[in-house]
C-alpha atoms as a PDB file:
ATOM      1  CA  MET A   1     -64.105 130.942 132.942  1.00  0.00           C
ATOM      2  CA  SER A   2     -65.792 131.457 136.307  1.00  0.00           C
ATOM      3  CA  ASN A   3     -67.687 134.696 136.883  1.00  0.00           C
ATOM      4  CA  LYS A   4     -67.832 134.102 140.622  1.00  0.00           C
ATOM      5  CA  PRO A   5     -66.671 137.278 142.419  1.00  0.00           C
ATOM      6  CA  GLU A   6     -63.606 137.134 144.682  1.00  0.00           C
ATOM      7  CA  LEU A   7     -65.473 137.740 147.927  1.00  0.00           C
ATOM      8  CA  ILE A   8     -64.614 136.475 151.380  1.00  0.00           C
ATOM      9  CA  SER A   9     -66.517 135.685 154.581  1.00  0.00           C
ATOM     10  CA  LEU A  10     -64.414 134.262 157.387  1.00  0.00           C
ATOM     11  CA  GLN A  11     -65.168 132.159 160.430  1.00  0.00           C
ATOM     12  CA  GLY A  12     -62.682 130.209 162.490  1.00  0.00           C
ATOM     13  CA  GLU A  13     -60.971 129.365 165.745  1.00  0.00           C
ATOM     14  CA  LEU A  14     -58.153 131.189 167.529  1.00  0.00           C
ATOM     15  CA  PHE A  15     -55.343 129.341 169.277  1.00  0.00           C
ATOM     16  CA  LEU A  16     -52.708 130.906 171.522  1.00  0.00           C
ATOM     17  CA  ALA A  17     -49.514 129.469 172.973  1.00  0.00           C
ATOM     18  CA  LYS A  18     -47.525 131.082 175.767  1.00  0.00           C
ATOM     19  CA  MET A  19     -44.000 131.968 174.726  1.00  0.00           C
ATOM     20  CA  VAL A  20     -41.441 130.480 177.125  1.00  0.00           C
ATOM     21  CA  ASN A  21     -37.780 131.383 176.646  1.00  0.00           C
ATOM     22  CA  GLY A  22     -38.551 132.511 173.116  1.00  0.00           C
ATOM     23  CA  GLU A  23     -40.357 129.324 172.097  1.00  0.00           C
ATOM     24  CA  PRO A  24     -44.119 128.634 171.975  1.00  0.00           C
ATOM     25  CA  SER A  25     -45.626 126.116 174.361  1.00  0.00           C
ATOM     26  CA  ALA A  26     -48.643 124.025 173.360  1.00  0.00           C
ATOM     27  CA  LEU A  27     -51.370 125.848 171.442  1.00  0.00           C
ATOM     28  CA  ARG A  28     -54.776 126.007 173.109  1.00  0.00           C
ATOM     29  CA  SER A  29     -58.130 127.189 171.818  1.00  0.00           C
ATOM     30  CA  VAL A  30     -59.547 130.347 173.392  1.00  0.00           C
ATOM     31  CA  GLY A  31     -63.087 129.229 172.501  1.00  0.00           C
ATOM     32  CA  ASN A  32     -65.739 131.194 170.664  1.00  0.00           C
ATOM     33  CA  THR A  33     -64.521 134.568 169.364  1.00  0.00           C
ATOM     34  CA  PRO A  34     -67.345 136.479 167.622  1.00  0.00           C
ATOM     35  CA  GLU A  35     -64.952 139.290 166.706  1.00  0.00           C
ATOM     36  CA  LEU A  36     -61.278 139.108 165.690  1.00  0.00           C
ATOM     37  CA  GLN A  37     -59.344 141.701 163.701  1.00  0.00           C
ATOM     38  CA  LEU A  38     -55.854 142.468 162.437  1.00  0.00           C
ATOM     39  CA  LYS A  39     -54.805 146.081 162.008  1.00  0.00           C
ATOM     40  CA  ILE A  40     -51.650 147.403 160.350  1.00  0.00           C
ATOM     41  CA  THR A  41     -50.426 150.787 161.570  1.00  0.00           C
ATOM     42  CA  SER A  42     -47.749 153.066 160.153  1.00  0.00           C
ATOM     43  CA  ASP A  43     -46.069 156.329 161.108  1.00  0.00           C
ATOM     44  CA  SER A  44     -45.061 158.357 158.108  1.00  0.00           C
ATOM     45  CA  THR A  45     -43.671 161.693 156.936  1.00  0.00           C
ATOM     46  CA  ASP A  46     -45.153 163.315 153.849  1.00  0.00           C
ATOM     47  CA  HIS A  47     -43.029 165.230 151.342  1.00  0.00           C
ATOM     48  CA  PHE A  48     -44.437 168.083 149.240  1.00  0.00           C
ATOM     49  CA  GLU A  49     -42.789 169.439 146.104  1.00  0.00           C
ATOM     50  CA  SER A  50     -42.048 173.136 145.877  1.00  0.00           C
ATOM     51  CA  LYS A  51     -41.354 173.462 142.136  1.00  0.00           C
ATOM     52  CA  THR A  52     -44.785 173.941 140.605  1.00  0.00           C
ATOM     53  CA  GLY A  53     -46.495 176.142 143.165  1.00  0.00           C
ATOM     54  CA  LEU A  54     -49.094 173.428 143.815  1.00  0.00           C
ATOM     55  CA  ARG A  55     -47.308 172.118 146.910  1.00  0.00           C
ATOM     56  CA  ALA A  56     -48.366 168.635 145.841  1.00  0.00           C
ATOM     57  CA  LYS A  57     -47.509 165.562 147.878  1.00  0.00           C
ATOM     58  CA  ASP A  58     -44.961 163.599 145.869  1.00  0.00           C
ATOM     59  CA  ALA A  59     -43.483 161.125 148.383  1.00  0.00           C
ATOM     60  CA  VAL A  60     -44.206 159.364 151.667  1.00  0.00           C
ATOM     61  CA  LEU A  61     -41.527 158.124 154.036  1.00  0.00           C
ATOM     62  CA  ARG A  62     -42.755 155.116 156.029  1.00  0.00           C
ATOM     63  CA  LYS A  63     -40.800 155.206 159.270  1.00  0.00           C
ATOM     64  CA  LYS A  64     -42.553 152.787 161.617  1.00  0.00           C
ATOM     65  CA  THR A  65     -44.841 149.840 160.990  1.00  0.00           C
ATOM     66  CA  GLY A  66     -46.871 147.854 163.472  1.00  0.00           C
ATOM     67  CA  VAL A  67     -49.441 145.078 163.540  1.00  0.00           C
ATOM     68  CA  ALA A  68     -52.207 145.021 166.143  1.00  0.00           C
ATOM     69  CA  VAL A  69     -54.829 142.455 167.100  1.00  0.00           C
ATOM     70  CA  SER A  70     -58.207 142.964 168.746  1.00  0.00           C
ATOM     71  CA  GLY A  71     -61.028 140.593 169.501  1.00  0.00           C
ATOM     72  CA  THR A  72     -63.747 139.410 171.832  1.00  0.00           C
ATOM     73  CA  LEU A  73     -63.771 136.354 174.082  1.00  0.00           C
ATOM     74  CA  GLU A  74     -66.936 134.626 175.233  1.00  0.00           C
ATOM     75  CA  GLU A  75     -65.635 131.520 177.002  1.00  0.00           C
ATOM     76  CA  VAL A  76     -64.047 132.294 180.370  1.00  0.00           C
ATOM     77  CA  THR A  77     -61.892 129.261 181.059  1.00  0.00           C
ATOM     78  CA  LYS A  78     -59.319 129.565 183.819  1.00  0.00           C
ATOM     79  CA  GLU A  79     -56.658 130.132 181.131  1.00  0.00           C
ATOM     80  CA  ASN A  80     -58.719 132.842 179.422  1.00  0.00           C
ATOM     81  CA  LEU A  81     -59.425 134.515 182.747  1.00  0.00           C
ATOM     82  CA  ALA A  82     -55.713 134.665 183.481  1.00  0.00           C
ATOM     83  CA  MET A  83     -55.086 136.090 180.012  1.00  0.00           C
ATOM     84  CA  VAL A  84     -57.791 138.774 180.304  1.00  0.00           C
ATOM     85  CA  LEU A  85     -56.556 139.815 183.757  1.00  0.00           C
ATOM     86  CA  SER A  86     -52.839 139.597 182.849  1.00  0.00           C
ATOM     87  CA  GLY A  87     -52.451 137.198 185.737  1.00  0.00           C
ATOM     88  CA  LYS A  88     -51.689 133.625 186.637  1.00  0.00           C
ATOM     89  CA  THR A  89     -54.176 130.913 187.619  1.00  0.00           C
ATOM     90  CA  LEU A  90     -53.179 128.298 190.149  1.00  0.00           C
ATOM     91  CA  ALA A  91     -55.087 125.470 191.754  1.00  0.00           C
ATOM     92  CA  VAL A  92     -55.251 125.835 195.523  1.00  0.00           C
ATOM     93  CA  PRO A  93     -55.869 122.350 196.971  1.00  0.00           C
ATOM     94  CA  GLU A  94     -58.113 121.507 199.891  1.00  0.00           C
ATOM     95  CA  ALA A  95     -56.383 121.924 203.232  1.00  0.00           C
ATOM     96  CA  THR A  96     -56.777 121.791 206.991  1.00  0.00           C
ATOM     97  CA  ILE A  97     -56.861 125.264 208.532  1.00  0.00           C
ATOM     98  CA  THR A  98     -55.019 125.192 211.823  1.00  0.00           C
ATOM     99  CA  GLU A  99     -56.207 127.353 214.710  1.00  0.00           C
ATOM    100  CA  THR A 100     -56.005 130.999 213.655  1.00  0.00           C
ATOM    101  CA  ALA A 101     -56.513 134.011 215.940  1.00  0.00           C
ATOM    102  CA  LEU A 102     -59.131 136.666 215.161  1.00  0.00           C
ATOM    103  CA  GLY A 103     -58.728 138.549 218.429  1.00  0.00           C
ATOM    104  CA  ALA A 104     -61.593 140.582 219.827  1.00  0.00           C
ATOM    105  CA  VAL A 105     -64.700 140.714 217.593  1.00  0.00           C
ATOM    106  CA  LYS A 106     -67.599 143.161 217.651  1.00  0.00           C
ATOM    107  CA  ALA A 107     -71.273 142.369 217.251  1.00  0.00           C
ATOM    108  CA  GLY A 108     -72.745 142.831 213.769  1.00  0.00           C
ATOM    109  CA  GLU A 109     -69.483 143.339 211.884  1.00  0.00           C
ATOM    110  CA  MET A 110     -68.644 141.046 208.979  1.00  0.00           C
ATOM    111  CA  ILE A 111     -65.207 139.441 209.124  1.00  0.00           C
ATOM    112  CA  ASP A 112     -63.489 138.004 206.066  1.00  0.00           C
ATOM    113  CA  LEU A 113     -61.672 134.842 207.113  1.00  0.00           C
ATOM    114  CA  GLY A 114     -59.654 135.048 203.876  1.00  0.00           C
ATOM    115  CA  ILE A 115     -60.372 131.463 202.801  1.00  0.00           C
ATOM    116  CA  ARG A 116     -63.291 130.227 200.683  1.00  0.00           C
ATOM    117  CA  ASN A 117     -65.178 126.959 200.385  1.00  0.00           C
ATOM    118  CA  LEU A 118     -65.015 126.136 204.102  1.00  0.00           C
ATOM    119  CA  SER A 119     -66.380 123.235 206.113  1.00  0.00           C
ATOM    120  CA  ASP A 120     -66.130 121.899 209.679  1.00  0.00           C
ATOM    121  CA  VAL A 121     -65.482 125.397 211.020  1.00  0.00           C
ATOM    122  CA  VAL A 122     -65.044 125.720 214.785  1.00  0.00           C
ATOM    123  CA  PHE A 123     -64.813 129.006 216.694  1.00  0.00           C
ATOM    124  CA  LYS A 124     -63.341 129.241 220.184  1.00  0.00           C
ATOM    125  CA  GLY A 125     -63.349 132.096 222.695  1.00  0.00           C
ATOM    126  CA  PRO A 126     -61.615 132.792 225.989  1.00  0.00           C
ATOM    127  CA  ALA A 127     -60.161 129.746 227.736  1.00  0.00           C
ATOM    128  CA  ASP A 128     -60.615 127.778 224.488  1.00  0.00           C
ATOM    129  CA  ALA A 129     -64.338 127.438 225.092  1.00  0.00           C
ATOM    130  CA  GLU A 130     -66.183 126.577 221.872  1.00  0.00           C
ATOM    131  CA  ILE A 131     -68.507 129.322 220.637  1.00  0.00           C
ATOM    132  CA  THR A 132     -71.936 127.903 219.896  1.00  0.00           C
ATOM    133  CA  ALA A 133     -73.522 128.387 216.451  1.00  0.00           C
ATOM    134  CA  ASP A 134     -76.294 130.638 217.798  1.00  0.00           C
ATOM    135  CA  LYS A 135     -73.678 133.310 218.494  1.00  0.00           C
ATOM    136  CA  TYR A 136     -72.548 133.817 214.910  1.00  0.00           C
ATOM    137  CA  ASN A 137     -73.718 133.677 211.292  1.00  0.00           C
ATOM    138  CA  LEU A 138     -71.178 131.876 209.093  1.00  0.00           C
ATOM    139  CA  ASP A 139     -71.156 131.988 205.282  1.00  0.00           C
ATOM    140  CA  ALA A 140     -68.933 128.962 204.761  1.00  0.00           C
ATOM    141  CA  VAL A 141     -69.043 129.259 200.956  1.00  0.00           C
ATOM    142  CA  PHE A 142     -67.442 132.711 200.884  1.00  0.00           C
ATOM    143  CA  GLY A 143     -65.616 132.478 204.210  1.00  0.00           C
ATOM    144  CA  THR A 144     -67.236 135.358 206.089  1.00  0.00           C
ATOM    145  CA  VAL A 145     -68.716 135.468 209.578  1.00  0.00           C
ATOM    146  CA  ILE A 146     -70.807 137.908 211.622  1.00  0.00           C
ATOM    147  CA  PHE A 147     -70.857 137.512 215.401  1.00  0.00           C
ATOM    148  CA  ASN A 148     -74.044 138.368 217.273  1.00  0.00           C
ATOM    149  CA  GLU A 149     -72.194 139.632 220.349  1.00  0.00           C
ATOM    150  CA  ALA A 150     -68.797 141.004 221.233  1.00  0.00           C
ATOM    151  CA  ILE A 151     -66.303 138.283 222.167  1.00  0.00           C
ATOM    152  CA  THR A 152     -62.631 138.527 223.081  1.00  0.00           C
ATOM    153  CA  ASP A 153     -59.783 136.196 222.167  1.00  0.00           C
ATOM    154  CA  VAL A 154     -61.591 134.482 219.268  1.00  0.00           C
ATOM    155  CA  LYS A 155     -59.856 131.708 217.309  1.00  0.00           C
ATOM    156  CA  TRP A 156     -61.069 129.504 214.469  1.00  0.00           C
ATOM    157  CA  SER A 157     -60.122 126.331 212.569  1.00  0.00           C
ATOM    158  CA  GLY A 158     -61.677 124.204 209.813  1.00  0.00           C
ATOM    159  CA  GLN A 159     -61.294 122.659 206.377  1.00  0.00           C
ATOM    160  CA  SER A 160     -61.005 124.473 203.040  1.00  0.00           C
ATOM    161  CA  GLY A 161     -62.064 123.049 199.687  1.00  0.00           C
ATOM    162  CA  ALA A 162     -60.172 123.369 196.414  1.00  0.00           C
ATOM    163  CA  VAL A 163     -60.389 126.666 194.506  1.00  0.00           C
ATOM    164  CA  ASN A 164     -58.845 128.171 191.386  1.00  0.00           C
ATOM    165  CA  ARG A 165     -57.113 131.472 192.167  1.00  0.00           C
ATOM    166  CA  THR A 166     -56.246 133.995 189.458  1.00  0.00           C
ATOM    167  CA  SER A 167     -53.929 136.860 190.270  1.00  0.00           C
ATOM    168  CA  ILE A 168     -54.608 140.294 188.768  1.00  0.00           C
ATOM    169  CA  ALA A 169     -52.006 142.220 186.724  1.00  0.00           C
ATOM    170  CA  THR A 170     -49.055 140.048 187.735  1.00  0.00           C
ATOM    171  CA  GLU A 171     -48.088 138.743 184.281  1.00  0.00           C
ATOM    172  CA  ILE A 172     -48.018 141.979 182.282  1.00  0.00           C
ATOM    173  CA  GLY A 173     -45.930 141.606 179.140  1.00  0.00           C
ATOM    174  CA  GLN A 174     -46.615 137.906 178.574  1.00  0.00           C
ATOM    175  CA  GLU A 175     -46.101 136.972 174.923  1.00  0.00           C
ATOM    176  CA  TYR A 176     -48.113 134.480 172.883  1.00  0.00           C
ATOM    177  CA  ARG A 177     -47.838 132.704 169.552  1.00  0.00           C
ATOM    178  CA  PHE A 178     -51.027 133.470 167.585  1.00  0.00           C
ATOM    179  CA  PHE A 179     -52.523 130.860 165.262  1.00  0.00           C
ATOM    180  CA  PHE A 180     -55.903 131.140 163.547  1.00  0.00           C
ATOM    181  CA  LYS A 181     -57.624 128.283 161.730  1.00  0.00           C
ATOM    182  CA  GLY A 182     -60.165 129.874 159.414  1.00  0.00           C
ATOM    183  CA  ILE A 183     -62.555 128.989 156.644  1.00  0.00           C
ATOM    184  CA  ASP A 184     -63.921 131.232 153.923  1.00  0.00           C
ATOM    185  CA  THR A 185     -67.592 130.294 154.029  1.00  0.00           C
ATOM    186  CA  PHE A 186     -68.117 131.804 150.575  1.00  0.00           C
ATOM    187  CA  SER A 187     -65.429 130.006 148.584  1.00  0.00           C
ATOM    188  CA  GLY A 188     -64.648 127.120 150.910  1.00  0.00           C
ATOM    189  CA  ASP A 189     -60.955 128.058 151.038  1.00  0.00           C
ATOM    190  CA  LYS A 190     -58.994 127.571 154.238  1.00  0.00           C
ATOM    191  CA  VAL A 191     -57.183 130.508 155.837  1.00  0.00           C
ATOM    192  CA  ALA A 192     -54.346 130.129 158.348  1.00  0.00           C
ATOM    193  CA  VAL A 193     -52.888 133.141 160.179  1.00  0.00           C
ATOM    194  CA  THR A 194     -49.635 132.961 162.147  1.00  0.00           C
ATOM    195  CA  LEU A 195     -48.245 135.796 164.254  1.00  0.00           C
ATOM    196  CA  TRP A 196     -44.888 135.039 165.836  1.00  0.00           C
ATOM    197  CA  ARG A 197     -45.029 137.224 168.931  1.00  0.00           C
ATOM    198  CA  LEU A 198     -48.204 138.788 170.346  1.00  0.00           C
ATOM    199  CA  GLU A 199     -48.132 140.840 173.535  1.00  0.00           C
ATOM    200  CA  LEU A 200     -51.601 141.481 174.939  1.00  0.00           C
ATOM    201  CA  SER A 201     -52.463 144.850 176.419  1.00  0.00           C
ATOM    202  CA  PRO A 202     -53.181 144.793 180.173  1.00  0.00           C
ATOM    203  CA  GLU A 203     -55.862 147.451 179.667  1.00  0.00           C
ATOM    204  CA  THR A 204     -59.249 145.782 179.857  1.00  0.00           C
ATOM    205  CA  GLU A 205     -62.617 145.872 181.591  1.00  0.00           C
ATOM    206  CA  PHE A 206     -63.919 142.905 183.560  1.00  0.00           C
ATOM    207  CA  ASP A 207     -67.600 143.326 184.372  1.00  0.00           C
ATOM    208  CA  LEU A 208     -68.598 141.729 187.665  1.00  0.00           C
ATOM    209  CA  ILE A 209     -72.341 142.017 187.067  1.00  0.00           C
ATOM    210  CA  HIS A 210     -74.084 141.141 183.790  1.00  0.00           C
ATOM    211  CA  GLU A 211     -77.576 141.261 182.340  1.00  0.00           C
ATOM    212  CA  ASP A 212     -76.648 138.855 179.526  1.00  0.00           C
ATOM    213  CA  PHE A 213     -73.831 136.510 178.518  1.00  0.00           C
ATOM    214  CA  ALA A 214     -70.495 138.157 179.224  1.00  0.00           C
ATOM    215  CA  GLU A 215     -68.007 139.144 176.540  1.00  0.00           C
ATOM    216  CA  TYR A 216     -64.451 140.277 177.151  1.00  0.00           C
ATOM    217  CA  SER A 217     -62.463 142.336 174.684  1.00  0.00           C
ATOM    218  CA  PHE A 218     -58.721 142.013 174.233  1.00  0.00           C
ATOM    219  CA  ASP A 219     -56.101 143.977 172.335  1.00  0.00           C
ATOM    220  CA  GLY A 220     -52.499 143.235 171.573  1.00  0.00           C
ATOM    221  CA  GLU A 221     -49.491 144.293 169.569  1.00  0.00           C
ATOM    222  CA  CYS A 222     -47.348 142.050 167.430  1.00  0.00           C
ATOM    223  CA  LEU A 223     -43.643 142.205 168.158  1.00  0.00           C
ATOM    224  CA  ALA A 224     -41.112 141.572 165.427  1.00  0.00           C
ATOM    225  CA  ASP A 225     -39.137 138.358 165.144  1.00  0.00           C
ATOM    226  CA  ILE A 226     -36.034 139.837 163.545  1.00  0.00           C
ATOM    227  CA  SER A 227     -34.568 136.378 162.933  1.00  0.00           C
ATOM    228  CA  LYS A 228     -36.986 136.254 159.993  1.00  0.00           C
ATOM    229  CA  ALA A 229     -36.056 139.683 158.608  1.00  0.00           C
ATOM    230  CA  ASN A 230     -34.297 138.211 155.565  1.00  0.00           C
ATOM    231  CA  ASP A 231     -36.981 135.626 154.817  1.00  0.00           C
ATOM    232  CA  ALA A 232     -39.394 137.264 152.377  1.00  0.00           C
ATOM    233  CA  GLU A 233     -41.816 134.319 152.638  1.00  0.00           C
ATOM    234  CA  LEU A 234     -42.306 134.532 156.409  1.00  0.00           C
ATOM    235  CA  SER A 235     -41.953 138.242 157.371  1.00  0.00           C
ATOM    236  CA  ILE A 236     -41.007 139.533 160.815  1.00  0.00           C
ATOM    237  CA  PHE A 237     -44.582 139.780 162.146  1.00  0.00           C
ATOM    238  CA  GLY A 238     -46.260 136.735 160.594  1.00  0.00           C
ATOM    239  CA  HIS A 239     -48.305 135.807 157.568  1.00  0.00           C
ATOM    240  CA  ILE A 240     -51.663 134.706 156.185  1.00  0.00           C
ATOM    241  CA  GLU A 241     -51.984 131.541 154.126  1.00  0.00           C
ATOM    242  CA  ARG A 242     -55.009 130.812 151.932  1.00  0.00           C
ATOM    243  CA  PHE A 243     -55.517 127.504 150.225  1.00  0.00           C
ATOM    244  CA  SER A 244     -58.101 125.060 148.940  1.00  0.00           C
ATOM    245  CA  VAL A 245     -58.305 121.430 149.966  1.00  0.00           C
ATOM    246  CA  ALA A 246     -58.885 118.823 147.293  1.00  0.00           C
ATOM    247  CA  THR A 247     -62.014 116.744 147.873  1.00  0.00           C
END
């Protein structure tokens, strides 16, 4: 008989799949997650007896049950960025920027051209005369320009390079299928966790300046899949499976 204690120490990898029309799309890894937790919550009403004079609690009515998830992301892929920001990431291809009017510009004021990763930029002034480079300071990478003198009727054109654009707070309420591949580093057992429907909270903090590697926390609530209400082996929120693999 083994005297080895039943301890556990988990490591593993989290995969998420966007739910589309009630079905999960392909699972994808979210990368390194140094922290990942499940939390079960419950609202209850306590009952106290009034027969003995002790007013002792003798029953608890469990009225509401929930399952929550929290964790930390370290790898900011374009998919993870969209998830953290409750947005959508799209690839904006390179393009030719046709002549666009800026109007009258003032000396020393920075203008955001609204397009990043620029090249071959040309500015024109009154009568379509080209404005020479000594009259402005262009940051083509970020698409800003400062003119050294006031000029009327300014127009510009150029080329833009490809960028990834992530919207902010446009996909609130997106659901995911949660799947965790884990290993108990103490016993060697495998642990698989499946949550049918996970809705991530839009409340987050996205630091724009760091002194070290960035980490991004996320929280979410599991929503019930009531189609599994009568299946005692699956449950309406999900389940944890632990097993050993024969060598």
